Amino acid sequence: MSFWNLMEYAAWGLSAVFGLYIVIDWLKTDATYDEEVLTSSREGELEAMVEERHG
């Protein structure tokens, strides 16, 4: 087996590990925080305050 085939398998393996990590983190975050907190926009509130001061 050539070096590049091994690198390809390693890349696919890392991709699977990262994908699994993303799914686990998503489920943990979803279980930890309320939907209202996850859909709120703190940045949007800050932008609105800045616009009020300038406008």
Protein backbone atom coordinates (compact mmCIF):
# COMPACT_ATOMS: atom_id res chain seq x y z
CA MET A 1 0.00 0.00 0.00
CA SER A 2 1.40 3.36 -0.96
CA PHE A 3 1.98 6.34 1.29
CA TRP A 4 -0.84 8.31 -0.35
CA ASN A 5 -3.35 5.51 0.20
CA LEU A 6 -2.43 5.49 3.88
CA MET A 7 -2.81 9.28 4.00
CA GLU A 8 -6.24 8.98 2.37
CA TYR A 9 -7.41 6.45 4.96
CA ALA A 10 -6.02 8.63 7.75
CA ALA A 11 -7.91 11.64 6.37
CA TRP A 12 -11.16 9.67 6.21
CA GLY A 13 -10.58 8.44 9.76
CA LEU A 14 -9.98 11.97 11.05
CA SER A 15 -13.06 13.15 9.20
CA ALA A 16 -15.15 10.48 10.94
CA VAL A 17 -13.68 11.38 14.35
CA PHE A 18 -14.38 15.11 13.85
CA GLY A 19 -17.90 14.38 12.61
CA LEU A 20 -18.61 12.22 15.65
CA TYR A 21 -17.23 14.95 17.93
CA ILE A 22 -19.53 17.53 16.29
CA VAL A 23 -22.59 15.32 16.79
CA ILE A 24 -21.70 14.57 20.43
CA ASP A 25 -21.07 18.27 21.15
CA TRP A 26 -24.36 19.18 19.45
CA LEU A 27 -26.33 16.71 21.59
CA LYS A 28 -24.54 17.81 24.78
CA THR A 29 -25.18 21.50 24.03
CA ASP A 30 -28.81 20.80 23.18
CA ALA A 31 -29.28 18.93 26.48
CA THR A 32 -27.46 21.59 28.53
CA TYR A 33 -29.08 24.80 27.27
CA ASP A 34 -32.69 25.81 26.82
CA GLU A 35 -33.92 26.46 23.28
CA GLU A 36 -34.57 30.11 24.17
CA VAL A 37 -30.93 30.62 25.12
CA LEU A 38 -29.68 28.91 21.97
CA THR A 39 -31.84 31.03 19.66
CA SER A 40 -31.20 34.38 21.36
CA SER A 41 -28.88 36.86 19.71
CA ARG A 42 -26.70 38.74 22.15
CA GLU A 43 -24.81 40.29 19.23
CA GLY A 44 -28.09 41.58 17.82
CA GLU A 45 -28.91 43.25 21.14
CA LEU A 46 -25.49 44.91 21.23
CA GLU A 47 -25.84 46.16 17.65
CA ALA A 48 -29.27 47.63 18.45
CA MET A 49 -27.83 49.50 21.46
CA VAL A 50 -25.00 50.94 19.33
CA GLU A 51 -27.46 52.06 16.64
CA GLU A 52 -29.62 53.78 19.27
CA ARG A 53 -26.61 55.77 20.52
CA HIS A 54 -25.53 56.82 17.01
CA GLY A 55 -28.99 57.44 15.55
